[in-house]
N, C-alpha and C. Protein backbone atom coordinates (compact mmCIF):
# COMPACT_ATOMS: atom_id res chain seq x y z
N UNK A 1 13.52 -18.66 7.25
CA UNK A 1 12.68 -17.38 5.80
C UNK A 1 11.44 -17.12 6.12
N UNK A 2 11.08 -15.94 6.42
CA UNK A 2 9.85 -15.59 6.44
C UNK A 2 9.32 -14.13 5.55
N UNK A 3 8.70 -14.61 4.39
CA UNK A 3 8.17 -14.05 3.45
C UNK A 3 7.03 -12.82 3.76
N UNK A 4 6.73 -11.73 2.73
CA UNK A 4 5.63 -10.91 3.01
C UNK A 4 5.40 -9.82 2.12
N UNK A 5 4.56 -9.54 2.00
CA UNK A 5 4.30 -8.02 1.01
C UNK A 5 3.94 -6.89 1.95
N UNK A 6 4.67 -6.25 1.53
CA UNK A 6 4.46 -4.76 2.50
C UNK A 6 4.28 -3.73 1.78
N UNK A 7 2.70 -3.65 2.27
CA UNK A 7 1.83 -2.90 0.96
C UNK A 7 1.90 -1.64 1.14
N UNK A 8 2.84 -0.66 2.44
CA UNK A 8 3.19 0.29 2.26
C UNK A 8 4.25 0.70 1.14
N UNK A 9 4.89 -0.27 0.85
CA UNK A 9 6.20 -0.22 -0.22
C UNK A 9 5.72 -0.39 -1.88
N UNK A 10 4.68 -1.26 -1.65
CA UNK A 10 3.75 -1.96 -2.93
C UNK A 10 3.06 -0.82 -3.27
N UNK A 11 2.44 0.02 -2.39
CA UNK A 11 1.29 1.44 -2.92
C UNK A 11 2.87 2.26 -3.42
N UNK A 12 3.94 2.56 -2.69
CA UNK A 12 4.37 4.09 -3.20
C UNK A 12 5.22 3.83 -4.69
N UNK A 13 5.63 2.04 -4.77
CA UNK A 13 6.19 2.10 -5.58
C UNK A 13 4.79 1.62 -6.90
N UNK A 14 3.61 1.41 -6.86
CA UNK A 14 2.72 1.49 -7.56
C UNK A 14 2.27 2.59 -8.66
N UNK A 15 2.21 3.60 -6.96
CA UNK A 15 1.45 5.10 -7.60
C UNK A 15 2.21 5.73 -7.45
N UNK A 16 3.63 5.79 -7.50
CA UNK A 16 4.98 6.64 -7.57
C UNK A 16 4.89 7.92 -6.85
N UNK A 17 4.81 7.20 -5.26
CA UNK A 17 4.43 8.31 -3.88
C UNK A 17 5.40 8.16 -2.87
N UNK A 18 6.46 9.24 -2.85
CA UNK A 18 7.68 8.85 -1.64
C UNK A 18 7.09 8.42 -0.59
N UNK A 19 7.77 7.42 0.31
CA UNK A 19 7.03 6.65 1.17
C UNK A 19 6.94 7.52 2.43
N UNK A 20 7.54 8.62 1.94
CA UNK A 20 7.32 9.61 3.28
C UNK A 20 6.35 9.79 3.56
N UNK A 21 5.96 10.47 2.66
CA UNK A 21 4.28 10.48 2.37
C UNK A 21 3.01 9.45 2.35
N UNK A 22 3.38 8.33 2.68
CA UNK A 22 2.53 7.52 2.86
C UNK A 22 2.03 6.80 4.41
N UNK A 23 0.99 7.51 4.67
CA UNK A 23 -0.22 6.88 6.20
C UNK A 23 -1.29 6.94 5.79
N UNK A 24 -1.47 5.79 6.80
CA UNK A 24 -2.91 4.87 6.06
C UNK A 24 -4.38 6.02 5.82
N UNK A 25 -4.08 6.87 6.94
CA UNK A 25 -5.84 7.81 6.45
C UNK A 25 -4.99 8.47 5.45
N UNK A 26 -4.17 8.73 5.21
CA UNK A 26 -3.72 9.89 3.66
C UNK A 26 -3.80 8.93 2.61
N UNK A 27 -3.45 7.87 2.75
CA UNK A 27 -3.83 6.31 2.01
C UNK A 27 -4.88 6.25 1.53
N UNK A 28 -6.23 5.98 2.38
CA UNK A 28 -7.06 5.81 2.18
C UNK A 28 -7.72 7.20 1.68
N UNK A 29 -7.66 8.16 2.23
CA UNK A 29 -8.07 9.75 1.41
C UNK A 29 -7.67 9.83 -0.06
N UNK A 30 -6.24 9.72 -0.62
CA UNK A 30 -5.94 9.45 -1.84
C UNK A 30 -6.69 8.59 -2.76
N UNK A 31 -7.22 7.42 -2.39
CA UNK A 31 -7.84 6.63 -3.08
C UNK A 31 -9.58 6.82 -2.87
N UNK A 32 -9.75 7.71 -2.17
CA UNK A 32 -11.26 8.36 -2.02
C UNK A 32 -11.95 7.38 -1.30
N UNK A 33 -11.35 6.92 -0.07
CA UNK A 33 -12.19 6.21 0.86
C UNK A 33 -11.98 6.43 2.21
N UNK A 34 -12.85 6.22 3.14
CA UNK A 34 -12.31 6.96 4.62
C UNK A 34 -11.80 5.53 5.51
N UNK A 35 -11.40 6.20 6.56
CA UNK A 35 -11.16 5.15 7.58
C UNK A 35 -12.31 4.42 8.55
N UNK A 36 -12.22 3.54 8.41
CA UNK A 36 -13.45 2.42 9.06
C UNK A 36 -13.02 1.89 10.02
N UNK A 37 -13.58 2.28 11.19
CA UNK A 37 -13.76 1.60 12.40
C UNK A 37 -12.49 2.38 13.68
N UNK A 38 -12.16 2.20 14.62
CA UNK A 38 -11.41 2.96 15.81
C UNK A 38 -9.79 3.07 15.14
N UNK A 39 -9.68 4.14 15.25
CA UNK A 39 -7.91 4.44 15.16
C UNK A 39 -6.78 3.83 15.95
N UNK A 40 -5.83 3.31 15.40
CA UNK A 40 -5.37 2.80 16.35
C UNK A 40 -5.06 1.37 16.69
N UNK A 41 -6.64 0.29 15.98
CA UNK A 41 -7.30 -0.79 17.11
C UNK A 41 -6.28 -1.69 15.45
N UNK A 42 -5.45 -2.77 15.93
CA UNK A 42 -5.05 -3.22 14.78
C UNK A 42 -5.90 -4.43 13.83
N UNK A 43 -6.94 -5.01 14.30
CA UNK A 43 -8.01 -5.21 13.71
C UNK A 43 -8.22 -4.35 12.71
N UNK A 44 -8.46 -2.99 13.09
CA UNK A 44 -9.26 -1.96 11.89
C UNK A 44 -8.41 -1.47 11.42
N UNK A 45 -6.80 -1.25 11.53
CA UNK A 45 -6.25 -1.30 11.01
C UNK A 45 -5.69 -1.99 9.86
N UNK A 46 -5.66 -3.33 10.02
CA UNK A 46 -5.33 -4.37 9.01
C UNK A 46 -6.58 -4.64 8.06
N UNK A 47 -7.86 -4.44 8.72
CA UNK A 47 -8.90 -4.21 7.41
C UNK A 47 -9.13 -3.24 6.34
N UNK A 48 -8.41 -1.85 6.79
CA UNK A 48 -8.33 -0.71 6.00
C UNK A 48 -7.00 -1.25 4.89
N UNK A 49 -6.00 -2.05 5.76
CA UNK A 49 -4.60 -2.09 4.87
C UNK A 49 -5.59 -3.18 3.43
N UNK A 50 -6.12 -4.13 4.37
CA UNK A 50 -6.81 -5.28 2.94
C UNK A 50 -7.41 -4.39 2.01
N UNK A 51 -8.56 -3.06 2.27
CA UNK A 51 -9.23 -2.44 1.64
C UNK A 51 -8.15 -1.88 0.95
N UNK A 52 -6.87 -1.35 1.04
CA UNK A 52 -5.97 -0.66 0.11
C UNK A 52 -5.16 -1.70 -0.84
N UNK A 53 -5.49 -2.84 -0.29
CA UNK A 53 -4.84 -3.91 -1.32
C UNK A 53 -5.55 -4.34 -2.38
N UNK A 54 -6.73 -4.62 -1.98
CA UNK A 54 -7.62 -4.44 -2.96
C UNK A 54 -7.96 -3.71 -4.08
N UNK A 55 -8.03 -2.57 -3.64
CA UNK A 55 -8.39 -1.12 -4.76
C UNK A 55 -6.41 -1.31 -5.63
N UNK A 56 -5.90 -1.71 -5.22
CA UNK A 56 -4.56 -1.97 -5.87
C UNK A 56 -4.49 -2.68 -6.81
N UNK A 57 -5.20 -3.95 -6.56
CA UNK A 57 -5.37 -5.01 -7.36
C UNK A 57 -6.21 -4.66 -8.71
N UNK A 58 -7.42 -3.89 -8.22
CA UNK A 58 -8.21 -3.66 -9.10
C UNK A 58 -7.24 -2.77 -9.95
N UNK A 59 -6.75 -1.63 -9.43
CA UNK A 59 -5.98 -0.83 -10.04
C UNK A 59 -4.59 -1.42 -11.21
N UNK A 60 -4.65 -2.72 -11.18
CA UNK A 60 -3.96 -3.60 -11.69
C UNK A 60 -2.44 -3.93 -11.48
N UNK A 61 -2.25 -3.45 -9.98
CA UNK A 61 -1.07 -3.56 -9.75
C UNK A 61 -1.22 -5.55 -8.89
N UNK A 62 0.30 -5.85 -9.65
CA UNK A 62 0.46 -7.29 -9.10
C UNK A 62 1.30 -7.43 -7.95
N UNK A 63 0.75 -7.73 -7.00
CA UNK A 63 1.28 -7.48 -5.53
C UNK A 63 2.42 -8.77 -5.40
N UNK A 64 3.27 -8.82 -5.35
CA UNK A 64 4.13 -9.50 -4.82
C UNK A 64 5.14 -9.50 -3.65
N UNK A 65 5.74 -10.55 -3.23
CA UNK A 65 6.48 -10.45 -2.21
C UNK A 65 7.46 -9.58 -2.37
N UNK A 66 7.90 -8.65 -1.12
CA UNK A 66 9.00 -7.62 -1.54
C UNK A 66 9.36 -7.41 -0.17
N UNK A 67 9.38 -8.30 0.79
CA UNK A 67 10.80 -8.34 2.22
C UNK A 67 10.79 -9.66 2.59
N UNK A 68 11.67 -9.62 2.99
CA UNK A 68 12.01 -11.03 3.94
C UNK A 68 12.65 -10.78 5.37
N UNK A 69 12.57 -11.54 5.85
CA UNK A 69 13.26 -11.76 7.02
C UNK A 69 14.18 -13.30 6.96
N UNK A 70 15.60 -13.28 7.00
CA UNK A 70 16.53 -14.26 6.66
C UNK A 70 17.81 -14.00 7.66
N UNK A 71 17.74 -15.06 8.35
CA UNK A 71 18.88 -14.95 9.48
C UNK A 71 18.73 -13.80 10.44
N UNK A 72 17.88 -13.33 10.29
CA UNK A 72 17.32 -12.24 11.47
C UNK A 72 17.39 -11.12 10.92
N UNK A 73 18.05 -10.61 9.76
CA UNK A 73 18.00 -9.54 8.72
C UNK A 73 16.81 -9.18 7.75
N UNK A 74 16.59 -8.11 8.31
CA UNK A 74 15.15 -7.69 7.27
C UNK A 74 15.74 -7.56 5.50
N UNK A 75 15.43 -7.85 4.83
CA UNK A 75 15.59 -7.85 3.31
C UNK A 75 14.57 -7.42 2.52
N UNK A 76 15.24 -6.57 1.45
CA UNK A 76 14.33 -6.14 0.20
C UNK A 76 14.24 -7.16 -0.55
N UNK A 77 13.00 -7.96 -1.12
CA UNK A 77 13.31 -8.56 -2.32
C UNK A 77 12.82 -8.30 -3.44
N UNK A 78 14.21 -8.14 -4.39
CA UNK A 78 13.48 -7.10 -5.73
C UNK A 78 12.64 -7.89 -6.67
N UNK A 79 12.20 -7.61 -7.56
CA UNK A 79 11.32 -7.98 -8.52
C UNK A 79 11.73 -8.32 -9.54
N UNK A 80 12.06 -9.73 -10.85
CA UNK A 80 12.43 -10.09 -11.18
C UNK A 80 12.31 -8.85 -12.69
N UNK A 81 10.39 -8.95 -12.58
CA UNK A 81 10.36 -8.29 -13.85
C UNK A 81 10.23 -6.62 -13.47
N UNK A 82 10.54 -5.64 -14.65
CA UNK A 82 9.82 -4.40 -14.44
C UNK A 82 8.72 -4.18 -14.03
N UNK A 83 8.92 -2.96 -13.19
CA UNK A 83 7.25 -2.56 -12.28
C UNK A 83 6.67 -1.46 -13.35
N UNK A 84 5.18 -2.03 -13.60
CA UNK A 84 4.58 -1.20 -14.15
C UNK A 84 3.65 -0.22 -12.75
N UNK A 85 3.37 0.47 -13.39
CA UNK A 85 2.83 1.58 -12.37
C UNK A 85 1.61 2.35 -12.99
N UNK A 86 0.44 3.30 -11.82
CA UNK A 86 -0.57 3.88 -12.31
C UNK A 86 0.10 4.73 -11.90
N UNK A 87 -0.58 6.23 -12.48
CA UNK A 87 -0.79 7.52 -11.82
C UNK A 87 -1.33 7.63 -10.51
N UNK A 88 -0.57 8.38 -9.78
CA UNK A 88 -0.17 8.83 -8.58
C UNK A 88 -2.32 9.25 -7.94
N UNK A 89 -2.71 8.47 -7.20
CA UNK A 89 -4.18 8.95 -6.79
C UNK A 89 -4.55 10.47 -6.37
N UNK A 90 -4.79 10.86 -6.78
CA UNK A 90 -5.22 12.54 -6.70
C UNK A 90 -6.43 12.23 -5.28
N UNK A 91 -6.37 13.27 -4.84
CA UNK A 91 -7.30 13.80 -3.59
C UNK A 91 -8.83 14.07 -4.24
N UNK A 92 -9.58 13.23 -3.50
CA UNK A 92 -11.24 13.64 -4.48
C UNK A 92 -11.40 15.18 -4.39
N UNK A 93 -11.72 15.72 -5.64
CA UNK A 93 -12.34 17.06 -5.92
C UNK A 93 -13.62 17.36 -5.51
N UNK A 94 -13.88 18.42 -4.78
CA UNK A 94 -15.58 18.67 -4.48
C UNK A 94 -15.59 19.87 -5.17
N UNK A 95 -16.89 19.89 -5.47
CA UNK A 95 -17.79 20.93 -6.07
C UNK A 95 -18.11 22.36 -5.21
N UNK A 96 -17.93 23.05 -5.33
CA UNK A 96 -18.44 24.15 -4.01
C UNK A 96 -19.52 24.76 -4.82
């Protein structure tokens, strides 16, 4: 049995963002960050995802295992407690 935290799922639940609107570059922009590194580089993608996880922790998210593979099947792991969320991040506002 393998367990992990799906950051995309945690981000959507915590900030109340529909899953179909969660893309790496858009997520970073909504958090006021820019993509660091080369696009489609596994290492750079991982570093950017880690930056998102750090921001979520700073915003009060309690990251928990939310997926696992058991017997070859992908399973969602439900939380035993209520999910607390923060308001959805907003695009930075720029002054003209």
